N, C-alpha and C. Protein backbone atom coordinates (compact mmCIF):
# COMPACT_ATOMS: atom_id res chain seq x y z
N MET A 1 0.89 -1.23 -0.01
CA MET A 1 0.04 -0.22 0.11
C MET A 1 0.97 1.18 0.01
N SER A 2 0.18 2.19 -0.76
CA SER A 2 1.14 3.44 -0.67
C SER A 2 0.36 4.74 0.02
N PHE A 3 0.92 5.49 0.54
CA PHE A 3 0.18 6.46 1.16
C PHE A 3 0.64 8.02 0.87
N ASN A 4 -0.09 8.84 0.33
CA ASN A 4 0.32 10.04 0.01
C ASN A 4 -0.58 11.29 0.31
N THR A 5 -0.33 12.30 0.48
CA THR A 5 -1.15 13.55 0.76
C THR A 5 -0.91 14.47 -0.37
N THR A 6 -2.10 15.18 -0.66
CA THR A 6 -2.01 16.33 -1.53
C THR A 6 -2.95 17.32 -1.31
N THR A 7 -2.75 18.58 -1.68
CA THR A 7 -3.65 19.76 -1.61
C THR A 7 -4.70 20.03 -2.44
N VAL A 8 -5.87 20.51 -2.20
CA VAL A 8 -6.98 20.76 -3.02
C VAL A 8 -6.83 22.25 -3.21
N MET A 9 -6.64 22.51 -4.55
CA MET A 9 -6.28 23.95 -5.01
C MET A 9 -7.82 24.62 -4.99
N PRO A 10 -7.70 25.93 -4.92
CA PRO A 10 -9.13 26.72 -5.02
C PRO A 10 -9.78 26.39 -6.19
N LYS A 11 -9.45 26.04 -7.29
CA LYS A 11 -10.36 25.48 -8.25
C LYS A 11 -10.92 23.93 -8.19
N GLY A 12 -10.54 23.16 -7.06
CA GLY A 12 -10.85 21.77 -6.82
C GLY A 12 -9.87 20.85 -7.36
N GLN A 13 -8.58 21.40 -8.00
CA GLN A 13 -7.64 20.61 -8.60
C GLN A 13 -6.80 19.87 -7.56
N ILE A 14 -6.25 18.65 -7.94
CA ILE A 14 -5.21 18.08 -7.10
C ILE A 14 -4.29 17.68 -7.97
N SER A 15 -3.05 17.26 -7.52
CA SER A 15 -1.82 16.87 -7.97
C SER A 15 -1.59 15.30 -7.63
N LEU A 16 -1.47 14.47 -8.71
CA LEU A 16 -1.30 13.10 -8.23
C LEU A 16 0.23 13.06 -7.99
N PRO A 17 0.70 12.48 -6.76
CA PRO A 17 2.00 12.18 -6.82
C PRO A 17 2.80 11.16 -7.64
N VAL A 18 4.05 11.50 -8.16
CA VAL A 18 4.57 10.90 -9.01
C VAL A 18 4.71 9.29 -8.97
N ASP A 19 4.72 8.82 -7.70
CA ASP A 19 4.74 7.26 -7.63
C ASP A 19 3.50 6.77 -7.89
N ILE A 20 2.32 7.44 -7.64
CA ILE A 20 0.93 6.90 -7.85
C ILE A 20 0.89 6.94 -9.41
N ARG A 21 1.32 7.92 -10.02
CA ARG A 21 1.04 8.17 -11.54
C ARG A 21 1.84 7.03 -12.12
N GLN A 22 3.11 6.78 -11.81
CA GLN A 22 3.91 5.76 -12.20
C GLN A 22 3.26 4.38 -11.79
N LYS A 23 2.81 3.97 -10.78
CA LYS A 23 2.39 2.82 -10.69
C LYS A 23 0.93 2.46 -11.49
N LEU A 24 0.24 3.62 -11.67
CA LEU A 24 -0.96 3.70 -12.62
C LEU A 24 -0.78 3.70 -14.01
N LYS A 25 0.37 4.03 -14.33
CA LYS A 25 0.86 4.32 -15.62
C LYS A 25 -0.08 5.42 -16.55
N ILE A 26 -0.16 6.59 -15.36
CA ILE A 26 -0.88 7.55 -15.79
C ILE A 26 0.02 8.65 -16.39
N GLN A 27 -0.17 9.17 -17.66
CA GLN A 27 0.45 10.09 -18.35
C GLN A 27 -0.46 11.45 -18.60
N THR A 28 0.28 12.38 -18.90
CA THR A 28 -0.40 13.69 -19.15
C THR A 28 -1.42 13.60 -20.17
N GLY A 29 -2.56 14.03 -19.96
CA GLY A 29 -3.74 13.83 -20.89
C GLY A 29 -4.48 12.78 -20.80
N ASP A 30 -4.28 11.88 -20.13
CA ASP A 30 -4.97 10.65 -19.80
C ASP A 30 -6.05 11.06 -19.08
N LYS A 31 -7.44 10.25 -19.43
CA LYS A 31 -8.49 10.48 -18.58
C LYS A 31 -8.45 9.42 -17.39
N ILE A 32 -9.13 9.85 -16.39
CA ILE A 32 -9.07 8.86 -15.18
C ILE A 32 -10.68 9.02 -14.54
N ALA A 33 -11.08 8.09 -13.91
CA ALA A 33 -12.39 8.07 -13.21
C ALA A 33 -12.05 8.15 -11.70
N LEU A 34 -12.99 8.99 -11.17
CA LEU A 34 -12.90 9.22 -9.63
C LEU A 34 -14.47 8.42 -9.07
N VAL A 35 -14.21 7.56 -8.35
CA VAL A 35 -15.41 6.87 -8.06
C VAL A 35 -15.50 6.83 -6.61
N TYR A 36 -16.77 7.36 -6.09
CA TYR A 36 -17.24 7.57 -4.64
C TYR A 36 -17.99 6.12 -4.29
N GLU A 37 -17.45 5.68 -3.30
CA GLU A 37 -18.28 4.34 -2.82
C GLU A 37 -18.02 4.14 -1.41
N ASN A 38 -19.08 4.22 -0.50
CA ASN A 38 -18.76 3.95 0.80
C ASN A 38 -17.94 4.54 1.75
N GLY A 39 -17.83 6.00 1.38
CA GLY A 39 -16.81 6.86 2.00
C GLY A 39 -15.54 6.92 1.74
N ARG A 40 -15.26 6.23 0.18
CA ARG A 40 -13.81 6.12 -0.25
C ARG A 40 -14.00 6.56 -1.54
N VAL A 41 -12.91 7.19 -2.11
CA VAL A 41 -12.86 7.59 -3.33
C VAL A 41 -11.74 6.85 -4.24
N PHE A 42 -12.07 6.02 -5.36
CA PHE A 42 -11.22 5.13 -6.11
C PHE A 42 -10.78 6.04 -7.39
N LEU A 43 -9.64 5.94 -7.84
CA LEU A 43 -9.11 6.49 -8.97
C LEU A 43 -8.96 5.24 -9.97
N ILE A 44 -9.65 5.14 -11.03
CA ILE A 44 -9.32 4.23 -11.86
C ILE A 44 -9.72 4.39 -13.31
N ASN A 45 -9.15 3.51 -14.31
CA ASN A 45 -9.23 3.78 -15.67
C ASN A 45 -10.92 3.86 -16.07
N PRO A 46 -11.42 4.75 -16.58
CA PRO A 46 -12.77 4.80 -16.96
C PRO A 46 -13.32 3.67 -17.89
N ALA A 47 -12.51 3.24 -18.56
CA ALA A 47 -12.87 2.11 -19.74
C ALA A 47 -13.12 0.77 -18.73
N ILE A 48 -12.12 0.59 -17.68
CA ILE A 48 -12.22 -0.30 -16.69
C ILE A 48 -13.47 -0.37 -15.98
N TYR A 49 -13.89 0.83 -15.48
CA TYR A 49 -15.00 1.03 -14.63
C TYR A 49 -16.38 0.74 -15.74
N ALA A 50 -16.35 1.22 -16.88
CA ALA A 50 -17.51 1.06 -17.63
C ALA A 50 -17.62 -0.43 -17.98
N MET A 51 -16.62 -1.15 -18.12
CA MET A 51 -16.67 -2.67 -18.34
C MET A 51 -17.16 -3.37 -17.05
N ASP A 52 -16.73 -2.92 -15.91
CA ASP A 52 -17.25 -3.66 -14.82
C ASP A 52 -18.54 -3.30 -14.38
N THR A 53 -19.06 -1.98 -14.64
CA THR A 53 -20.40 -1.82 -14.55
C THR A 53 -21.31 -2.45 -15.55
N PHE A 54 -20.85 -2.49 -16.76
CA PHE A 54 -21.62 -3.31 -17.75
C PHE A 54 -21.61 -4.88 -17.27
N ALA A 55 -20.65 -5.43 -16.79
CA ALA A 55 -20.74 -6.84 -16.39
C ALA A 55 -21.63 -7.02 -15.39
N LYS A 56 -21.86 -5.89 -14.39
CA LYS A 56 -22.58 -6.24 -12.89
C LYS A 56 -23.95 -6.13 -13.68
N THR A 57 -24.29 -5.26 -14.52
CA THR A 57 -25.58 -5.05 -15.36
C THR A 57 -26.04 -6.40 -16.05
N MET A 58 -24.98 -7.13 -16.52
CA MET A 58 -25.42 -8.26 -17.49
C MET A 58 -25.44 -9.54 -16.54
N GLU A 59 -25.00 -9.46 -15.52
CA GLU A 59 -24.90 -10.73 -14.48
C GLU A 59 -26.17 -11.43 -14.73
N GLY A 60 -26.12 -12.76 -15.19
CA GLY A 60 -27.24 -13.46 -15.20
C GLY A 60 -27.95 -13.63 -16.45
N GLU A 61 -27.69 -12.59 -17.29
CA GLU A 61 -28.35 -12.77 -18.67
C GLU A 61 -27.99 -13.77 -19.67
N TRP A 62 -26.60 -14.16 -19.52
CA TRP A 62 -26.19 -15.26 -20.46
C TRP A 62 -27.05 -16.50 -20.22
N GLU A 63 -27.33 -16.96 -19.00
CA GLU A 63 -28.23 -17.87 -18.55
C GLU A 63 -29.43 -17.96 -18.96
N LYS A 64 -30.26 -16.45 -19.00
CA LYS A 64 -31.48 -16.31 -19.54
C LYS A 64 -31.49 -16.40 -21.07
N ALA A 65 -30.51 -16.26 -21.56
CA ALA A 65 -30.69 -16.39 -23.01
C ALA A 65 -29.81 -17.69 -23.51
N ASP A 66 -29.73 -18.68 -22.54
CA ASP A 66 -29.08 -20.01 -22.79
C ASP A 66 -27.87 -19.97 -23.90
N ILE A 67 -26.83 -19.00 -23.23
CA ILE A 67 -25.66 -18.80 -24.06
C ILE A 67 -24.76 -19.62 -23.13
N LYS A 68 -24.18 -20.40 -23.84
CA LYS A 68 -22.91 -21.20 -23.16
C LYS A 68 -21.54 -21.33 -23.56
N SER A 69 -21.51 -20.81 -24.71
CA SER A 69 -20.14 -20.82 -25.50
C SER A 69 -19.92 -19.72 -26.36
N GLU A 70 -18.84 -19.41 -26.85
CA GLU A 70 -18.40 -18.27 -27.78
C GLU A 70 -19.40 -18.51 -29.12
N ASP A 71 -19.30 -19.97 -29.55
CA ASP A 71 -20.37 -20.36 -30.57
C ASP A 71 -21.63 -20.04 -30.62
N ASP A 72 -22.31 -20.01 -29.35
CA ASP A 72 -23.68 -19.54 -29.22
C ASP A 72 -23.64 -17.99 -29.37
N ILE A 73 -22.83 -17.17 -29.09
CA ILE A 73 -22.61 -15.74 -29.20
C ILE A 73 -22.50 -15.65 -30.85
N LEU A 74 -21.68 -16.43 -31.49
CA LEU A 74 -21.49 -16.12 -33.00
C LEU A 74 -22.59 -16.55 -33.57
N ASN A 75 -23.50 -17.53 -33.43
CA ASN A 75 -24.52 -17.92 -34.04
C ASN A 75 -25.78 -16.97 -33.76
N MET A 76 -25.94 -16.35 -32.54
CA MET A 76 -26.83 -15.39 -32.07
C MET A 76 -26.55 -14.19 -33.16
N CYS A 77 -25.44 -13.76 -33.15
CA CYS A 77 -24.81 -12.47 -34.09
C CYS A 77 -25.44 -12.84 -35.70
N ARG A 78 -25.04 -14.03 -35.98
CA ARG A 78 -25.39 -14.39 -37.48
C ARG A 78 -26.81 -14.26 -37.75
N GLU A 79 -27.67 -14.69 -36.82
CA GLU A 79 -29.19 -14.77 -36.85
C GLU A 79 -29.60 -13.43 -36.88
N ILE A 80 -29.11 -12.39 -35.95
CA ILE A 80 -29.56 -11.08 -35.97
C ILE A 80 -29.07 -10.42 -37.34
N ARG A 81 -27.96 -10.57 -37.68
CA ARG A 81 -27.48 -9.98 -39.05
C ARG A 81 -28.30 -10.18 -40.22
N GLU A 82 -28.57 -11.62 -40.18
CA GLU A 82 -29.70 -12.11 -41.18
C GLU A 82 -31.04 -11.41 -41.10
N GLU A 83 -31.22 -11.33 -39.80
CA GLU A 83 -32.88 -10.76 -39.58
C GLU A 83 -32.66 -9.13 -40.14
N VAL A 84 -31.67 -8.59 -39.79
CA VAL A 84 -31.40 -7.21 -40.15
C VAL A 84 -31.35 -6.94 -41.71
N GLU A 85 -30.67 -7.75 -42.27
CA GLU A 85 -30.22 -7.82 -43.69
C GLU A 85 -31.43 -8.27 -44.55
N GLY A 86 -32.48 -9.02 -43.79
CA GLY A 86 -33.82 -9.45 -44.61
C GLY A 86 -33.65 -10.75 -45.24
N ARG A 87 -32.91 -11.42 -44.88
CA ARG A 87 -32.60 -12.74 -45.32
C ARG A 87 -33.48 -13.89 -45.18
């Protein structure tokens, strides 16, 4: 675990300490997500947060659709494509 402090500036800005930026591989211009949960703030990659949120939303949906393999997904995509293209 790493512990650092930083100061909140008048416009609400903070600076991330170098060691944290290095560990998270954050570079100038990168986007980050701040997530507040149960009294804590997490700094994460927004793409990872989006995928985690999506995964939680979709939990149990594979079973409802009777999808058991990648082949099932490919077949479903083919069927939808054929339906959309009017075959």
